[in-house]
Amino acid sequence: MKKVILFAVIALMGTAVNAQKFGHINSNDLMAAMPETKKAQAKMQKMQDSLNVSYADLIKEYNEKDSIIRTDSGKWTPAKKDIKFKEYSDLRESIQNYSTAAQQYLQQEEQKLYEPIRRIVTEAIQAVAKTNGYTYVFAAEALYVSPASDDILPLVKKYLKIPDAPPGK
């Protein structure tokens, strides 16, 4: 009798060890729902708008120089023509450099703003997984086929105290 009980206990322990709980989450949906993301988006938009104003000023100056060259260059001496075309060429290069630098700046700022948010998301997912006994949590946006799993997005939102969006939003 003791052998049967011992065998049953060992069998139950073996199935308990093999029992794995799977979850999945769309972290992009989670980030989109976070107030921190909305603040970061607003900051990024403000930076973008500021850079666009400066870019528009450069384009305006370029267009003005282009117009002057088209209408007046026939009257200029060769020396003045060389100087004006050099200014025009330099301005075009300056616009290209500004555009490249602005893109790089925005990418760096976006990375700085979103890295703490990504860290919060990762830590929250790990905490919810541990608390709720999930062995694996998959990124839903990266899977085409997966074993049956629970969507833990509502649990993580609750953990982060993010209210559910009203229907239709």
Protein backbone atom coordinates (compact mmCIF):
# COMPACT_ATOMS: atom_id res chain seq x y z
CA MET A 1 0.00 0.00 0.00
CA LYS A 2 2.84 2.36 0.87
CA LYS A 3 4.37 1.69 -2.54
CA VAL A 4 1.13 2.67 -4.31
CA ILE A 5 0.86 5.92 -2.34
CA LEU A 6 4.53 6.70 -2.97
CA PHE A 7 4.07 6.00 -6.69
CA ALA A 8 0.99 8.26 -6.81
CA VAL A 9 2.85 11.09 -5.04
CA ILE A 10 5.80 10.78 -7.44
CA ALA A 11 3.45 10.74 -10.43
CA LEU A 12 1.65 13.87 -9.20
CA MET A 13 4.95 15.64 -8.59
CA GLY A 14 6.09 14.78 -12.10
CA THR A 15 2.96 16.26 -13.68
CA ALA A 16 3.19 19.34 -11.47
CA VAL A 17 6.76 19.96 -12.60
CA ASN A 18 5.74 19.59 -16.25
CA ALA A 19 2.67 21.81 -15.91
CA GLN A 20 3.57 25.04 -17.62
CA LYS A 21 1.44 28.11 -17.91
CA PHE A 22 1.73 30.16 -21.10
CA GLY A 23 0.74 33.77 -21.60
CA HIS A 24 1.03 36.34 -24.34
CA ILE A 25 0.87 40.11 -24.50
CA ASN A 26 0.94 42.77 -27.16
CA SER A 27 3.43 45.15 -25.59
CA ASN A 28 2.71 47.78 -28.26
CA ASP A 29 -0.91 47.91 -27.12
CA LEU A 30 0.26 48.19 -23.52
CA MET A 31 2.66 51.03 -24.32
CA ALA A 32 -0.03 52.84 -26.30
CA ALA A 33 -2.31 52.74 -23.25
CA MET A 34 0.29 54.14 -20.86
CA PRO A 35 0.12 57.82 -19.83
CA GLU A 36 3.92 57.96 -20.00
CA THR A 37 3.74 57.15 -23.71
CA LYS A 38 1.25 59.92 -24.34
CA LYS A 39 3.60 62.39 -22.62
CA ALA A 40 6.56 61.12 -24.65
CA GLN A 41 4.56 61.45 -27.87
CA ALA A 42 3.66 65.04 -26.98
CA LYS A 43 7.34 65.86 -26.29
CA MET A 44 8.38 64.26 -29.56
CA GLN A 45 5.74 66.20 -31.47
CA LYS A 46 6.92 69.45 -29.89
CA MET A 47 10.52 68.72 -30.91
CA GLN A 48 9.41 67.76 -34.41
CA ASP A 49 7.40 70.96 -34.77
CA SER A 50 10.33 73.08 -33.61
CA LEU A 51 12.69 71.42 -36.06
CA ASN A 52 10.13 71.78 -38.85
CA VAL A 53 9.94 75.55 -38.30
CA SER A 54 13.71 75.88 -38.70
CA TYR A 55 13.64 73.60 -41.74
CA ALA A 56 10.85 75.67 -43.31
CA ASP A 57 12.95 78.83 -42.78
CA LEU A 58 15.86 77.21 -44.61
CA ILE A 59 13.61 76.13 -47.46
CA LYS A 60 12.14 79.61 -47.71
CA GLU A 61 15.63 81.14 -47.92
CA TYR A 62 16.61 78.54 -50.54
CA ASN A 63 13.54 79.30 -52.65
CA GLU A 64 14.22 83.04 -52.42
CA LYS A 65 17.82 82.54 -53.59
CA ASP A 66 16.58 80.26 -56.36
CA SER A 67 14.12 82.89 -57.52
CA ILE A 68 16.78 85.63 -57.47
CA ILE A 69 19.23 83.46 -59.42
CA ARG A 70 16.60 82.62 -62.04
CA THR A 71 15.60 86.23 -62.59
CA ASP A 72 18.82 88.18 -62.05
CA SER A 73 21.75 85.89 -62.88
CA GLY A 74 21.81 87.04 -66.51
CA LYS A 75 22.76 90.55 -65.38
CA TRP A 76 25.56 89.50 -63.04
CA THR A 77 29.26 89.58 -63.66
CA PRO A 78 31.00 86.19 -63.75
CA ALA A 79 32.53 86.84 -60.31
CA LYS A 80 29.17 87.70 -58.74
CA LYS A 81 27.57 84.71 -60.47
CA ASP A 82 30.22 82.38 -58.99
CA ILE A 83 29.68 83.80 -55.50
CA LYS A 84 25.87 83.58 -55.68
CA PHE A 85 25.90 80.04 -57.11
CA LYS A 86 28.35 79.00 -54.38
CA GLU A 87 26.00 80.48 -51.71
CA TYR A 88 23.09 78.67 -53.35
CA SER A 89 24.98 75.37 -53.44
CA ASP A 90 26.15 75.80 -49.83
CA LEU A 91 22.58 76.47 -48.71
CA ARG A 92 21.34 73.33 -50.47
CA GLU A 93 24.05 71.32 -48.70
CA SER A 94 23.16 73.00 -45.41
CA ILE A 95 19.52 71.96 -45.85
CA GLN A 96 20.54 68.35 -46.49
CA ASN A 97 22.82 68.35 -43.45
CA TYR A 98 20.10 69.91 -41.29
CA SER A 99 17.62 67.27 -42.39
CA THR A 100 20.02 64.43 -41.58
CA ALA A 101 21.02 65.93 -38.24
CA ALA A 102 17.38 66.55 -37.30
CA GLN A 103 16.46 62.92 -38.07
CA GLN A 104 19.34 61.63 -35.97
CA TYR A 105 18.47 63.98 -33.13
CA LEU A 106 14.84 62.88 -33.13
CA GLN A 107 15.82 59.21 -33.14
CA GLN A 108 18.15 59.73 -30.19
CA GLU A 109 15.55 61.69 -28.25
CA GLU A 110 12.89 59.09 -29.00
CA GLN A 111 15.18 56.37 -27.69
CA LYS A 112 15.87 58.39 -24.51
CA LEU A 113 12.17 59.06 -23.92
CA TYR A 114 10.92 55.54 -24.62
CA GLU A 115 13.65 53.48 -22.92
CA PRO A 116 12.30 54.08 -19.38
CA ILE A 117 8.80 53.21 -20.62
CA ARG A 118 10.04 49.96 -22.19
CA ARG A 119 11.79 49.13 -18.91
CA ILE A 120 8.54 49.70 -16.97
CA VAL A 121 6.68 47.46 -19.44
CA THR A 122 9.27 44.69 -19.17
CA GLU A 123 9.37 44.82 -15.38
CA ALA A 124 5.57 44.83 -15.15
CA ILE A 125 5.24 41.85 -17.49
CA GLN A 126 7.84 39.94 -15.48
CA ALA A 127 6.16 40.79 -12.17
CA VAL A 128 2.69 39.77 -13.42
CA ALA A 129 4.07 36.57 -14.92
CA LYS A 130 5.78 35.65 -11.67
CA THR A 131 2.78 36.56 -9.50
CA ASN A 132 0.36 34.60 -11.68
CA GLY A 133 2.59 31.57 -12.25
CA TYR A 134 3.31 32.00 -15.96
CA THR A 135 6.27 29.94 -17.12
CA TYR A 136 6.46 31.70 -20.49
CA VAL A 137 5.03 34.97 -21.77
CA PHE A 138 5.26 35.53 -25.51
CA ALA A 139 5.17 38.76 -27.49
CA ALA A 140 1.84 38.38 -29.28
CA GLU A 141 2.86 40.70 -32.12
CA ALA A 142 5.76 38.38 -33.05
CA LEU A 143 3.89 35.06 -33.16
CA TYR A 144 2.00 33.52 -36.03
CA VAL A 145 1.46 30.19 -34.32
CA SER A 146 1.75 29.44 -30.65
CA PRO A 147 0.41 27.04 -28.05
CA ALA A 148 -2.78 28.04 -26.27
CA SER A 149 -2.00 30.87 -23.88
CA ASP A 150 -3.65 33.58 -21.82
CA ASP A 151 -3.62 37.23 -22.86
CA ILE A 152 -2.07 38.90 -19.83
CA LEU A 153 -2.55 42.47 -21.12
CA PRO A 154 -5.50 43.09 -18.74
CA LEU A 155 -3.44 41.79 -15.79
CA VAL A 156 -0.47 44.01 -16.63
CA LYS A 157 -2.74 47.03 -17.15
CA LYS A 158 -4.24 46.36 -13.74
CA TYR A 159 -0.75 46.01 -12.23
CA LEU A 160 0.25 49.37 -13.75
CA LYS A 161 -3.12 50.91 -12.77
CA ILE A 162 -4.00 51.77 -16.37
CA PRO A 163 -7.75 52.06 -16.84
CA ASP A 164 -9.35 50.21 -19.71
CA ALA A 165 -10.19 52.45 -22.64
CA PRO A 166 -13.91 52.97 -23.24
CA PRO A 167 -15.31 50.99 -26.20
CA GLY A 168 -14.78 52.62 -29.57
CA LYS A 169 -11.42 54.25 -28.72
